[in-house]
Amino acid sequence: MTADPVPGDVCITCGDVAVPLEVVRVDGHDAVCRAGDGGTELVAVELVEPVVAGDRLLVHARVALEKLS
């Protein structure tokens, strides 16, 4: 039996949550993204291409899942 997802729950596989990040630079199928705290992270963007600097992405486990408006 599987439960319906509940907002605010974490991933049952890795315990992580999706976070919004801003694209700083795109390099092929990856993008350097900045978090709210100023840190940067390399993110795979194949699922949401095309991506340009300034786009906001919802990222989970260093994979962009969705573009945010």
PDB file of N, CA and C in Angstrom:
ATOM      1  N   MET A   1       0.839  -1.167   0.000  1.00  0.00           N
ATOM      2  CA  MET A   1       0.000   0.000   0.000  1.00  0.00           C
ATOM      3  C   MET A   1       0.892   1.239   0.000  1.00  0.00           C
ATOM      4  N   THR A   2       0.546   2.242  -0.836  1.00  0.00           N
ATOM      5  CA  THR A   2       1.301   3.484  -0.868  1.00  0.00           C
ATOM      6  C   THR A   2       0.423   4.621  -0.382  1.00  0.00           C
ATOM      7  N   ALA A   3       1.029   5.539   0.295  1.00  0.00           N
ATOM      8  CA  ALA A   3       0.298   6.700   0.798  1.00  0.00           C
ATOM      9  C   ALA A   3       0.397   7.838  -0.205  1.00  0.00           C
ATOM     10  N   ASP A   4      -0.634   8.681  -0.232  1.00  0.00           N
ATOM     11  CA  ASP A   4      -0.576   9.869  -1.064  1.00  0.00           C
ATOM     12  C   ASP A   4       0.456  10.815  -0.472  1.00  0.00           C
ATOM     13  N   PRO A   5       1.200  11.545  -1.371  1.00  0.00           N
ATOM     14  CA  PRO A   5       2.189  12.490  -0.843  1.00  0.00           C
ATOM     15  C   PRO A   5       1.520  13.583  -0.008  1.00  0.00           C
ATOM     16  N   VAL A   6       2.176  13.993   1.019  1.00  0.00           N
ATOM     17  CA  VAL A   6       1.683  15.058   1.886  1.00  0.00           C
ATOM     18  C   VAL A   6       2.632  16.236   1.751  1.00  0.00           C
ATOM     19  N   PRO A   7       2.105  17.454   1.494  1.00  0.00           N
ATOM     20  CA  PRO A   7       2.991  18.612   1.381  1.00  0.00           C
ATOM     21  C   PRO A   7       3.900  18.727   2.597  1.00  0.00           C
ATOM     22  N   GLY A   8       5.174  18.996   2.350  1.00  0.00           N
ATOM     23  CA  GLY A   8       6.133  19.138   3.428  1.00  0.00           C
ATOM     24  C   GLY A   8       6.875  17.859   3.757  1.00  0.00           C
ATOM     25  N   ASP A   9       6.419  16.722   3.227  1.00  0.00           N
ATOM     26  CA  ASP A   9       7.132  15.462   3.458  1.00  0.00           C
ATOM     27  C   ASP A   9       8.458  15.481   2.710  1.00  0.00           C
ATOM     28  N   VAL A  10       9.369  14.641   3.116  1.00  0.00           N
ATOM     29  CA  VAL A  10      10.661  14.526   2.452  1.00  0.00           C
ATOM     30  C   VAL A  10      10.674  13.276   1.595  1.00  0.00           C
ATOM     31  N   CYS A  11      11.655  13.183   0.716  1.00  0.00           N
ATOM     32  CA  CYS A  11      11.809  12.023  -0.152  1.00  0.00           C
ATOM     33  C   CYS A  11      12.042  10.772   0.702  1.00  0.00           C
ATOM     34  N   ILE A  12      11.278   9.719   0.424  1.00  0.00           N
ATOM     35  CA  ILE A  12      11.423   8.506   1.225  1.00  0.00           C
ATOM     36  C   ILE A  12      12.702   7.747   0.890  1.00  0.00           C
ATOM     37  N   THR A  13      13.316   8.070  -0.249  1.00  0.00           N
ATOM     38  CA  THR A  13      14.550   7.398  -0.642  1.00  0.00           C
ATOM     39  C   THR A  13      15.782   8.034  -0.002  1.00  0.00           C
ATOM     40  N   CYS A  14      15.865   9.371  -0.085  1.00  0.00           N
ATOM     41  CA  CYS A  14      17.090  10.018   0.388  1.00  0.00           C
ATOM     42  C   CYS A  14      16.886  10.957   1.566  1.00  0.00           C
ATOM     43  N   GLY A  15      15.634  11.241   1.933  1.00  0.00           N
ATOM     44  CA  GLY A  15      15.378  12.135   3.057  1.00  0.00           C
ATOM     45  C   GLY A  15      15.550  13.603   2.725  1.00  0.00           C
ATOM     46  N   ASP A  16      15.775  13.918   1.463  1.00  0.00           N
ATOM     47  CA  ASP A  16      16.010  15.292   1.029  1.00  0.00           C
ATOM     48  C   ASP A  16      14.689  15.945   0.622  1.00  0.00           C
ATOM     49  N   VAL A  17      14.700  17.253   0.469  1.00  0.00           N
ATOM     50  CA  VAL A  17      13.532  17.987  -0.015  1.00  0.00           C
ATOM     51  C   VAL A  17      13.935  18.764  -1.262  1.00  0.00           C
ATOM     52  N   ALA A  18      12.963  19.131  -2.085  1.00  0.00           N
ATOM     53  CA  ALA A  18      13.233  19.964  -3.252  1.00  0.00           C
ATOM     54  C   ALA A  18      13.369  21.413  -2.798  1.00  0.00           C
ATOM     55  N   VAL A  19      14.320  22.130  -3.393  1.00  0.00           N
ATOM     56  CA  VAL A  19      14.566  23.516  -3.010  1.00  0.00           C
ATOM     57  C   VAL A  19      14.622  24.397  -4.259  1.00  0.00           C
ATOM     58  N   PRO A  20      14.176  25.645  -4.149  1.00  0.00           N
ATOM     59  CA  PRO A  20      14.279  26.563  -5.280  1.00  0.00           C
ATOM     60  C   PRO A  20      15.694  27.124  -5.381  1.00  0.00           C
ATOM     61  N   LEU A  21      16.251  27.106  -6.588  1.00  0.00           N
ATOM     62  CA  LEU A  21      17.578  27.666  -6.854  1.00  0.00           C
ATOM     63  C   LEU A  21      17.500  28.540  -8.098  1.00  0.00           C
ATOM     64  N   GLU A  22      18.424  29.503  -8.215  1.00  0.00           N
ATOM     65  CA  GLU A  22      18.471  30.388  -9.377  1.00  0.00           C
ATOM     66  C   GLU A  22      19.669  30.040 -10.250  1.00  0.00           C
ATOM     67  N   VAL A  23      19.432  29.944 -11.558  1.00  0.00           N
ATOM     68  CA  VAL A  23      20.499  29.612 -12.506  1.00  0.00           C
ATOM     69  C   VAL A  23      21.441  30.801 -12.637  1.00  0.00           C
ATOM     70  N   VAL A  24      22.741  30.527 -12.466  1.00  0.00           N
ATOM     71  CA  VAL A  24      23.777  31.537 -12.629  1.00  0.00           C
ATOM     72  C   VAL A  24      24.421  31.399 -14.007  1.00  0.00           C
ATOM     73  N   ARG A  25      24.709  30.156 -14.405  1.00  0.00           N
ATOM     74  CA  ARG A  25      25.399  29.880 -15.660  1.00  0.00           C
ATOM     75  C   ARG A  25      25.015  28.494 -16.149  1.00  0.00           C
ATOM     76  N   VAL A  26      24.840  28.345 -17.461  1.00  0.00           N
ATOM     77  CA  VAL A  26      24.504  27.051 -18.049  1.00  0.00           C
ATOM     78  C   VAL A  26      25.720  26.530 -18.798  1.00  0.00           C
ATOM     79  N   ASP A  27      26.002  25.228 -18.617  1.00  0.00           N
ATOM     80  CA  ASP A  27      27.119  24.576 -19.298  1.00  0.00           C
ATOM     81  C   ASP A  27      26.628  23.224 -19.805  1.00  0.00           C
ATOM     82  N   GLY A  28      26.149  23.185 -21.053  1.00  0.00           N
ATOM     83  CA  GLY A  28      25.618  21.944 -21.605  1.00  0.00           C
ATOM     84  C   GLY A  28      24.332  21.550 -20.907  1.00  0.00           C
ATOM     85  N   HIS A  29      24.304  20.335 -20.351  1.00  0.00           N
ATOM     86  CA  HIS A  29      23.115  19.836 -19.651  1.00  0.00           C
ATOM     87  C   HIS A  29      23.182  20.080 -18.153  1.00  0.00           C
ATOM     88  N   ASP A  30      24.120  20.913 -17.724  1.00  0.00           N
ATOM     89  CA  ASP A  30      24.255  21.255 -16.308  1.00  0.00           C
ATOM     90  C   ASP A  30      24.166  22.767 -16.148  1.00  0.00           C
ATOM     91  N   ALA A  31      23.845  23.193 -14.940  1.00  0.00           N
ATOM     92  CA  ALA A  31      23.802  24.618 -14.633  1.00  0.00           C
ATOM     93  C   ALA A  31      24.371  24.841 -13.245  1.00  0.00           C
ATOM     94  N   VAL A  32      25.114  25.922 -13.113  1.00  0.00           N
ATOM     95  CA  VAL A  32      25.547  26.364 -11.791  1.00  0.00           C
ATOM     96  C   VAL A  32      24.400  27.202 -11.250  1.00  0.00           C
ATOM     97  N   CYS A  33      23.908  26.823 -10.071  1.00  0.00           N
ATOM     98  CA  CYS A  33      22.763  27.505  -9.473  1.00  0.00           C
ATOM     99  C   CYS A  33      23.136  28.055  -8.108  1.00  0.00           C
ATOM    100  N   ARG A  34      22.457  29.158  -7.744  1.00  0.00           N
ATOM    101  CA  ARG A  34      22.713  29.802  -6.458  1.00  0.00           C
ATOM    102  C   ARG A  34      21.514  29.599  -5.538  1.00  0.00           C
ATOM    103  N   ALA A  35      21.812  29.271  -4.304  1.00  0.00           N
ATOM    104  CA  ALA A  35      20.779  29.112  -3.276  1.00  0.00           C
ATOM    105  C   ALA A  35      20.560  30.444  -2.574  1.00  0.00           C
ATOM    106  N   GLY A  36      19.523  30.520  -1.772  1.00  0.00           N
ATOM    107  CA  GLY A  36      19.206  31.731  -1.029  1.00  0.00           C
ATOM    108  C   GLY A  36      20.309  32.167  -0.085  1.00  0.00           C
ATOM    109  N   ASP A  37      21.112  31.197   0.397  1.00  0.00           N
ATOM    110  CA  ASP A  37      22.195  31.528   1.322  1.00  0.00           C
ATOM    111  C   ASP A  37      23.469  31.943   0.601  1.00  0.00           C
ATOM    112  N   GLY A  38      23.430  32.003  -0.757  1.00  0.00           N
ATOM    113  CA  GLY A  38      24.584  32.431  -1.540  1.00  0.00           C
ATOM    114  C   GLY A  38      25.464  31.306  -2.017  1.00  0.00           C
ATOM    115  N   GLY A  39      25.282  30.096  -1.494  1.00  0.00           N
ATOM    116  CA  GLY A  39      26.065  28.951  -1.944  1.00  0.00           C
ATOM    117  C   GLY A  39      25.672  28.551  -3.356  1.00  0.00           C
ATOM    118  N   THR A  40      26.578  27.840  -4.049  1.00  0.00           N
ATOM    119  CA  THR A  40      26.276  27.387  -5.405  1.00  0.00           C
ATOM    120  C   THR A  40      26.290  25.866  -5.475  1.00  0.00           C
ATOM    121  N   GLU A  41      25.612  25.360  -6.500  1.00  0.00           N
ATOM    122  CA  GLU A  41      25.484  23.921  -6.673  1.00  0.00           C
ATOM    123  C   GLU A  41      25.384  23.612  -8.168  1.00  0.00           C
ATOM    124  N   LEU A  42      26.035  22.548  -8.614  1.00  0.00           N
ATOM    125  CA  LEU A  42      25.932  22.098  -9.995  1.00  0.00           C
ATOM    126  C   LEU A  42      24.692  21.219 -10.109  1.00  0.00           C
ATOM    127  N   VAL A  43      23.802  21.547 -11.050  1.00  0.00           N
ATOM    128  CA  VAL A  43      22.499  20.896 -11.177  1.00  0.00           C
ATOM    129  C   VAL A  43      22.310  20.371 -12.594  1.00  0.00           C
ATOM    130  N   ALA A  44      21.821  19.140 -12.729  1.00  0.00           N
ATOM    131  CA  ALA A  44      21.463  18.584 -14.028  1.00  0.00           C
ATOM    132  C   ALA A  44      20.133  19.199 -14.462  1.00  0.00           C
ATOM    133  N   VAL A  45      20.073  19.706 -15.711  1.00  0.00           N
ATOM    134  CA  VAL A  45      18.874  20.419 -16.159  1.00  0.00           C
ATOM    135  C   VAL A  45      18.187  19.777 -17.368  1.00  0.00           C
ATOM    136  N   GLU A  46      18.561  18.556 -17.729  1.00  0.00           N
ATOM    137  CA  GLU A  46      17.987  17.912 -18.913  1.00  0.00           C
ATOM    138  C   GLU A  46      16.460  17.856 -18.887  1.00  0.00           C
ATOM    139  N   LEU A  47      15.868  17.671 -17.731  1.00  0.00           N
ATOM    140  CA  LEU A  47      14.410  17.516 -17.637  1.00  0.00           C
ATOM    141  C   LEU A  47      13.643  18.811 -17.861  1.00  0.00           C
ATOM    142  N   VAL A  48      14.317  19.967 -17.766  1.00  0.00           N
ATOM    143  CA  VAL A  48      13.610  21.246 -17.859  1.00  0.00           C
ATOM    144  C   VAL A  48      14.189  22.172 -18.928  1.00  0.00           C
ATOM    145  N   GLU A  49      15.073  21.660 -19.780  1.00  0.00           N
ATOM    146  CA  GLU A  49      15.685  22.499 -20.814  1.00  0.00           C
ATOM    147  C   GLU A  49      14.624  23.055 -21.756  1.00  0.00           C
ATOM    148  N   PRO A  50      14.869  24.231 -22.348  1.00  0.00           N
ATOM    149  CA  PRO A  50      16.041  25.074 -22.239  1.00  0.00           C
ATOM    150  C   PRO A  50      16.028  25.909 -20.952  1.00  0.00           C
ATOM    151  N   VAL A  51      17.214  26.176 -20.446  1.00  0.00           N
ATOM    152  CA  VAL A  51      17.393  26.939 -19.213  1.00  0.00           C
ATOM    153  C   VAL A  51      18.376  28.065 -19.490  1.00  0.00           C
ATOM    154  N   VAL A  52      18.103  29.242 -18.950  1.00  0.00           N
ATOM    155  CA  VAL A  52      18.999  30.388 -19.108  1.00  0.00           C
ATOM    156  C   VAL A  52      19.280  31.008 -17.743  1.00  0.00           C
ATOM    157  N   ALA A  53      20.349  31.788 -17.677  1.00  0.00           N
ATOM    158  CA  ALA A  53      20.693  32.488 -16.433  1.00  0.00           C
ATOM    159  C   ALA A  53      19.501  33.321 -15.984  1.00  0.00           C
ATOM    160  N   GLY A  54      19.211  33.258 -14.691  1.00  0.00           N
ATOM    161  CA  GLY A  54      18.088  33.980 -14.115  1.00  0.00           C
ATOM    162  C   GLY A  54      16.860  33.118 -13.894  1.00  0.00           C
ATOM    163  N   ASP A  55      16.773  31.970 -14.583  1.00  0.00           N
ATOM    164  CA  ASP A  55      15.649  31.060 -14.353  1.00  0.00           C
ATOM    165  C   ASP A  55      15.697  30.542 -12.924  1.00  0.00           C
ATOM    166  N   ARG A  56      14.521  30.306 -12.336  1.00  0.00           N
ATOM    167  CA  ARG A  56      14.422  29.687 -11.018  1.00  0.00           C
ATOM    168  C   ARG A  56      13.947  28.260 -11.208  1.00  0.00           C
ATOM    169  N   LEU A  57      14.613  27.317 -10.547  1.00  0.00           N
ATOM    170  CA  LEU A  57      14.331  25.899 -10.701  1.00  0.00           C
ATOM    171  C   LEU A  57      14.020  25.256  -9.366  1.00  0.00           C
ATOM    172  N   LEU A  58      13.139  24.266  -9.395  1.00  0.00           N
ATOM    173  CA  LEU A  58      12.910  23.434  -8.226  1.00  0.00           C
ATOM    174  C   LEU A  58      13.840  22.239  -8.354  1.00  0.00           C
ATOM    175  N   VAL A  59      14.747  22.069  -7.389  1.00  0.00           N
ATOM    176  CA  VAL A  59      15.837  21.090  -7.493  1.00  0.00           C
ATOM    177  C   VAL A  59      15.760  20.078  -6.361  1.00  0.00           C
ATOM    178  N   HIS A  60      15.912  18.816  -6.722  1.00  0.00           N
ATOM    179  CA  HIS A  60      15.948  17.721  -5.751  1.00  0.00           C
ATOM    180  C   HIS A  60      17.113  16.812  -6.116  1.00  0.00           C
ATOM    181  N   ALA A  61      17.983  16.558  -5.164  1.00  0.00           N
ATOM    182  CA  ALA A  61      19.131  15.670  -5.366  1.00  0.00           C
ATOM    183  C   ALA A  61      19.962  16.089  -6.566  1.00  0.00           C
ATOM    184  N   ARG A  62      20.157  17.416  -6.697  1.00  0.00           N
ATOM    185  CA  ARG A  62      20.958  18.022  -7.772  1.00  0.00           C
ATOM    186  C   ARG A  62      20.417  17.771  -9.170  1.00  0.00           C
ATOM    187  N   VAL A  63      19.092  17.577  -9.267  1.00  0.00           N
ATOM    188  CA  VAL A  63      18.393  17.443 -10.536  1.00  0.00           C
ATOM    189  C   VAL A  63      17.236  18.441 -10.558  1.00  0.00           C
ATOM    190  N   ALA A  64      17.188  19.278 -11.605  1.00  0.00           N
ATOM    191  CA  ALA A  64      16.091  20.221 -11.751  1.00  0.00           C
ATOM    192  C   ALA A  64      14.841  19.468 -12.171  1.00  0.00           C
ATOM    193  N   LEU A  65      13.765  19.632 -11.416  1.00  0.00           N
ATOM    194  CA  LEU A  65      12.513  18.934 -11.689  1.00  0.00           C
ATOM    195  C   LEU A  65      11.474  19.818 -12.355  1.00  0.00           C
ATOM    196  N   GLU A  66      11.585  21.129 -12.140  1.00  0.00           N
ATOM    197  CA  GLU A  66      10.560  22.034 -12.641  1.00  0.00           C
ATOM    198  C   GLU A  66      11.103  23.451 -12.703  1.00  0.00           C
ATOM    199  N   LYS A  67      10.637  24.230 -13.697  1.00  0.00           N
ATOM    200  CA  LYS A  67      10.927  25.662 -13.739  1.00  0.00           C
ATOM    201  C   LYS A  67       9.866  26.365 -12.900  1.00  0.00           C
ATOM    202  N   LEU A  68      10.290  27.326 -12.111  1.00  0.00           N
ATOM    203  CA  LEU A  68       9.371  28.113 -11.295  1.00  0.00           C
ATOM    204  C   LEU A  68       9.101  29.441 -11.983  1.00  0.00           C
ATOM    205  N   SER A  69       7.898  29.975 -11.808  1.00  0.00           N
ATOM    206  CA  SER A  69       7.567  31.249 -12.437  1.00  0.00           C
ATOM    207  C   SER A  69       7.967  32.402 -11.552  1.00  0.00           C
TER     208      SER A  69
END
